Every structure is written in C-alpha cells, then in structure tokens.
Amino acid sequence: MTNKQIGKYGEELAKNFLIKKGFEILETNYRYSKMAEIDIIAQKNNILHFVEVKTRNSIFFGTPIEAINQTKLNSICMCAKFYIQKSKKHYKKFQIDAIGILLNKTKEPEFNFIENIEIN
C-alpha cells in the first residue's frame, strides 16, 4: 500500500472506531484551504470533535501520534473555527482529538485515541 492508501484506510478505520463509540460523523476530509484540512468532524453529546487521524504500518519513524506537531494542531484549530462559524447548529463545546492507528500485519490494528488535545 502507498502512504496515501494507508492514510485513507486509517481514516475509514477511525470513522468506524468513532461510530462504535457513539459518535455521529458529520464530515470527512473537510477543507478550509489547501493548507488546512480536518480528517473527521464528529459530534457526541452536543460536543463537536475535530479529529486528526494518523496511520502507520511501523513505528520505525515514531508512533502515529508523534507525527502530529504543533503546526498541524494550529492548522486544525484554524479550520475548526471556520467550520464553527459556518455551522447552522450551535454546539456547547468543541475539542480537537487524535486517533493514532498502528497497522499490524499479524493482528488487529492498534488504536490510540486522545481526546481534547490542548493547544499552546
């Protein structure tokens, strides 16, 4: 699989993971500009979740979560604010989450779900 295919597969796995946890998927691959994209926008309990998904098939270059840097978080935050301004529904709260997925050739994918990431 190419990196792009791994990423798309990971986003599909993450979407199903969230649905099983009771989230409603509102958008996928939401773009604000060429530089700002949110992989998954979901809601649960009137809280809006902007979810970054990183998928890897090894940890040779670090874990999937380690690939999410401050620049990426700032980009997600900017895109999230744009989405909230355009939304017709009012949410009491929003947060940025991340799902790291490690694909293992011999067993089920490993998920690392981090909720409500703090942005500096």
C-alpha atoms as a PDB file:
ATOM      1  CA  MET A   1       0.000   0.000   0.000  1.00  0.00           C
ATOM      2  CA  THR A   2       1.136   3.542  -0.700  1.00  0.00           C
ATOM      3  CA  ASN A   3       1.214   6.147   2.079  1.00  0.00           C
ATOM      4  CA  LYS A   4      -1.923   7.734   0.632  1.00  0.00           C
ATOM      5  CA  GLN A   5      -3.748   4.384   0.636  1.00  0.00           C
ATOM      6  CA  ILE A   6      -2.630   3.714   4.212  1.00  0.00           C
ATOM      7  CA  GLY A   7      -3.957   7.142   5.220  1.00  0.00           C
ATOM      8  CA  LYS A   8      -7.356   6.586   3.566  1.00  0.00           C
ATOM      9  CA  TYR A   9      -7.625   3.124   5.100  1.00  0.00           C
ATOM     10  CA  GLY A  10      -6.762   4.560   8.520  1.00  0.00           C
ATOM     11  CA  GLU A  11      -9.427   7.261   8.187  1.00  0.00           C
ATOM     12  CA  GLU A  12     -12.022   4.594   7.395  1.00  0.00           C
ATOM     13  CA  LEU A  13     -10.911   2.546  10.427  1.00  0.00           C
ATOM     14  CA  ALA A  14     -11.065   5.688  12.606  1.00  0.00           C
ATOM     15  CA  LYS A  15     -14.548   6.550  11.361  1.00  0.00           C
ATOM     16  CA  ASN A  16     -15.804   3.065  12.281  1.00  0.00           C
ATOM     17  CA  PHE A  17     -13.997   3.269  15.634  1.00  0.00           C
ATOM     18  CA  LEU A  18     -15.796   6.531  16.460  1.00  0.00           C
ATOM     19  CA  ILE A  19     -19.189   5.235  15.331  1.00  0.00           C
ATOM     20  CA  LYS A  20     -18.792   2.230  17.653  1.00  0.00           C
ATOM     21  CA  LYS A  21     -18.109   4.684  20.486  1.00  0.00           C
ATOM     22  CA  GLY A  22     -21.370   6.529  19.814  1.00  0.00           C
ATOM     23  CA  PHE A  23     -20.132   9.428  17.687  1.00  0.00           C
ATOM     24  CA  GLU A  24     -22.099  10.786  14.759  1.00  0.00           C
ATOM     25  CA  ILE A  25     -19.853  11.518  11.773  1.00  0.00           C
ATOM     26  CA  LEU A  26     -20.677  14.935  10.288  1.00  0.00           C
ATOM     27  CA  GLU A  27     -17.875  15.446   7.737  1.00  0.00           C
ATOM     28  CA  THR A  28     -14.743  13.762   6.460  1.00  0.00           C
ATOM     29  CA  ASN A  29     -11.760  15.463   4.844  1.00  0.00           C
ATOM     30  CA  TYR A  30     -13.174  18.941   5.486  1.00  0.00           C
ATOM     31  CA  ARG A  31     -11.010  21.609   3.834  1.00  0.00           C
ATOM     32  CA  TYR A  32     -10.677  25.260   4.734  1.00  0.00           C
ATOM     33  CA  SER A  33      -7.796  25.882   2.352  1.00  0.00           C
ATOM     34  CA  LYS A  34      -5.011  23.956   0.675  1.00  0.00           C
ATOM     35  CA  MET A  35      -3.133  24.092   3.967  1.00  0.00           C
ATOM     36  CA  ALA A  36      -5.929  23.243   6.413  1.00  0.00           C
ATOM     37  CA  GLU A  37      -7.903  20.012   6.467  1.00  0.00           C
ATOM     38  CA  ILE A  38      -9.675  18.085   9.199  1.00  0.00           C
ATOM     39  CA  ASP A  39      -9.853  14.335   8.717  1.00  0.00           C
ATOM     40  CA  ILE A  40     -13.082  13.739  10.649  1.00  0.00           C
ATOM     41  CA  ILE A  41     -15.643  16.074  12.184  1.00  0.00           C
ATOM     42  CA  ALA A  42     -17.976  14.263  14.556  1.00  0.00           C
ATOM     43  CA  GLN A  43     -20.337  15.059  17.386  1.00  0.00           C
ATOM     44  CA  LYS A  44     -21.347  13.346  20.580  1.00  0.00           C
ATOM     45  CA  ASN A  45     -23.393  14.768  23.458  1.00  0.00           C
ATOM     46  CA  ASN A  46     -23.605  18.172  21.707  1.00  0.00           C
ATOM     47  CA  ILE A  47     -19.794  18.418  21.669  1.00  0.00           C
ATOM     48  CA  LEU A  48     -18.122  18.945  18.319  1.00  0.00           C
ATOM     49  CA  HIS A  49     -14.981  16.828  17.779  1.00  0.00           C
ATOM     50  CA  PHE A  50     -12.334  17.692  15.199  1.00  0.00           C
ATOM     51  CA  VAL A  51     -10.304  14.518  14.763  1.00  0.00           C
ATOM     52  CA  GLU A  52      -6.863  14.157  13.233  1.00  0.00           C
ATOM     53  CA  VAL A  53      -6.040  10.615  12.116  1.00  0.00           C
ATOM     54  CA  LYS A  54      -2.507   9.302  11.674  1.00  0.00           C
ATOM     55  CA  THR A  55      -1.874   5.777  10.476  1.00  0.00           C
ATOM     56  CA  ARG A  56       1.429   3.935  10.305  1.00  0.00           C
ATOM     57  CA  ASN A  57       2.410   0.377   9.494  1.00  0.00           C
ATOM     58  CA  SER A  58       5.521   0.533  11.701  1.00  0.00           C
ATOM     59  CA  ILE A  59       6.987   2.712  14.430  1.00  0.00           C
ATOM     60  CA  PHE A  60      10.347   2.975  12.689  1.00  0.00           C
ATOM     61  CA  PHE A  61       9.860   6.764  12.351  1.00  0.00           C
ATOM     62  CA  GLY A  62       7.866   7.089  15.600  1.00  0.00           C
ATOM     63  CA  THR A  63       4.319   6.386  16.678  1.00  0.00           C
ATOM     64  CA  PRO A  64       1.383   7.755  14.692  1.00  0.00           C
ATOM     65  CA  ILE A  65       0.534  10.269  17.431  1.00  0.00           C
ATOM     66  CA  GLU A  66       4.109  11.592  17.427  1.00  0.00           C
ATOM     67  CA  ALA A  67       3.548  12.686  13.821  1.00  0.00           C
ATOM     68  CA  ILE A  68       1.051  15.342  14.963  1.00  0.00           C
ATOM     69  CA  ASN A  69       3.027  18.508  15.595  1.00  0.00           C
ATOM     70  CA  GLN A  70       2.097  21.984  16.821  1.00  0.00           C
ATOM     71  CA  THR A  71       1.867  23.355  13.280  1.00  0.00           C
ATOM     72  CA  LYS A  72      -0.690  20.671  12.389  1.00  0.00           C
ATOM     73  CA  LEU A  73      -2.698  21.390  15.547  1.00  0.00           C
ATOM     74  CA  ASN A  74      -2.736  25.116  14.751  1.00  0.00           C
ATOM     75  CA  SER A  75      -3.962  24.333  11.236  1.00  0.00           C
ATOM     76  CA  ILE A  76      -6.750  22.130  12.615  1.00  0.00           C
ATOM     77  CA  CYS A  77      -7.743  24.845  15.080  1.00  0.00           C
ATOM     78  CA  MET A  78      -7.974  27.457  12.304  1.00  0.00           C
ATOM     79  CA  CYS A  79     -10.065  25.106  10.172  1.00  0.00           C
ATOM     80  CA  ALA A  80     -12.276  24.228  13.169  1.00  0.00           C
ATOM     81  CA  LYS A  81     -13.030  27.892  13.850  1.00  0.00           C
ATOM     82  CA  PHE A  82     -14.034  28.352  10.216  1.00  0.00           C
ATOM     83  CA  TYR A  83     -16.320  25.304  10.380  1.00  0.00           C
ATOM     84  CA  ILE A  84     -17.986  26.560  13.583  1.00  0.00           C
ATOM     85  CA  GLN A  85     -18.627  29.988  12.031  1.00  0.00           C
ATOM     86  CA  LYS A  86     -20.279  28.378   9.000  1.00  0.00           C
ATOM     87  CA  SER A  87     -22.284  25.814  11.003  1.00  0.00           C
ATOM     88  CA  LYS A  88     -26.014  26.336  11.398  1.00  0.00           C
ATOM     89  CA  LYS A  89     -26.072  24.302  14.605  1.00  0.00           C
ATOM     90  CA  HIS A  90     -24.814  25.693  17.894  1.00  0.00           C
ATOM     91  CA  TYR A  91     -22.558  23.380  19.883  1.00  0.00           C
ATOM     92  CA  LYS A  92     -21.910  23.971  23.570  1.00  0.00           C
ATOM     93  CA  LYS A  93     -18.280  22.925  23.238  1.00  0.00           C
ATOM     94  CA  PHE A  94     -15.689  21.798  20.718  1.00  0.00           C
ATOM     95  CA  GLN A  95     -12.411  19.987  21.016  1.00  0.00           C
ATOM     96  CA  ILE A  96      -9.552  18.600  18.982  1.00  0.00           C
ATOM     97  CA  ASP A  97      -8.900  14.874  19.234  1.00  0.00           C
ATOM     98  CA  ALA A  98      -6.443  12.491  17.610  1.00  0.00           C
ATOM     99  CA  ILE A  99      -6.533   8.853  16.659  1.00  0.00           C
ATOM    100  CA  GLY A 100      -3.247   7.093  16.052  1.00  0.00           C
ATOM    101  CA  ILE A 101      -3.551   3.764  14.280  1.00  0.00           C
ATOM    102  CA  LEU A 102      -0.771   1.229  14.058  1.00  0.00           C
ATOM    103  CA  LEU A 103      -1.392  -1.396  11.397  1.00  0.00           C
ATOM    104  CA  ASN A 104      -0.046  -4.755  12.373  1.00  0.00           C
ATOM    105  CA  LYS A 105       0.304  -7.458   9.751  1.00  0.00           C
ATOM    106  CA  THR A 106      -0.425 -10.249  12.228  1.00  0.00           C
ATOM    107  CA  LYS A 107      -3.305  -8.846  14.316  1.00  0.00           C
ATOM    108  CA  GLU A 108      -5.993  -6.183  14.571  1.00  0.00           C
ATOM    109  CA  PRO A 109      -4.994  -2.509  14.211  1.00  0.00           C
ATOM    110  CA  GLU A 110      -3.996  -0.788  17.454  1.00  0.00           C
ATOM    111  CA  PHE A 111      -5.870   2.436  18.241  1.00  0.00           C
ATOM    112  CA  ASN A 112      -4.628   5.277  20.430  1.00  0.00           C
ATOM    113  CA  PHE A 113      -7.473   7.768  20.959  1.00  0.00           C
ATOM    114  CA  ILE A 114      -6.507  11.045  22.589  1.00  0.00           C
ATOM    115  CA  GLU A 115      -9.355  13.400  23.403  1.00  0.00           C
ATOM    116  CA  ASN A 116      -9.322  17.145  23.956  1.00  0.00           C
ATOM    117  CA  ILE A 117      -5.760  17.968  22.950  1.00  0.00           C
ATOM    118  CA  GLU A 118      -4.510  21.195  24.455  1.00  0.00           C
ATOM    119  CA  ILE A 119      -3.096  23.721  22.004  1.00  0.00           C
ATOM    120  CA  ASN A 120      -0.320  26.038  23.170  1.00  0.00           C
END
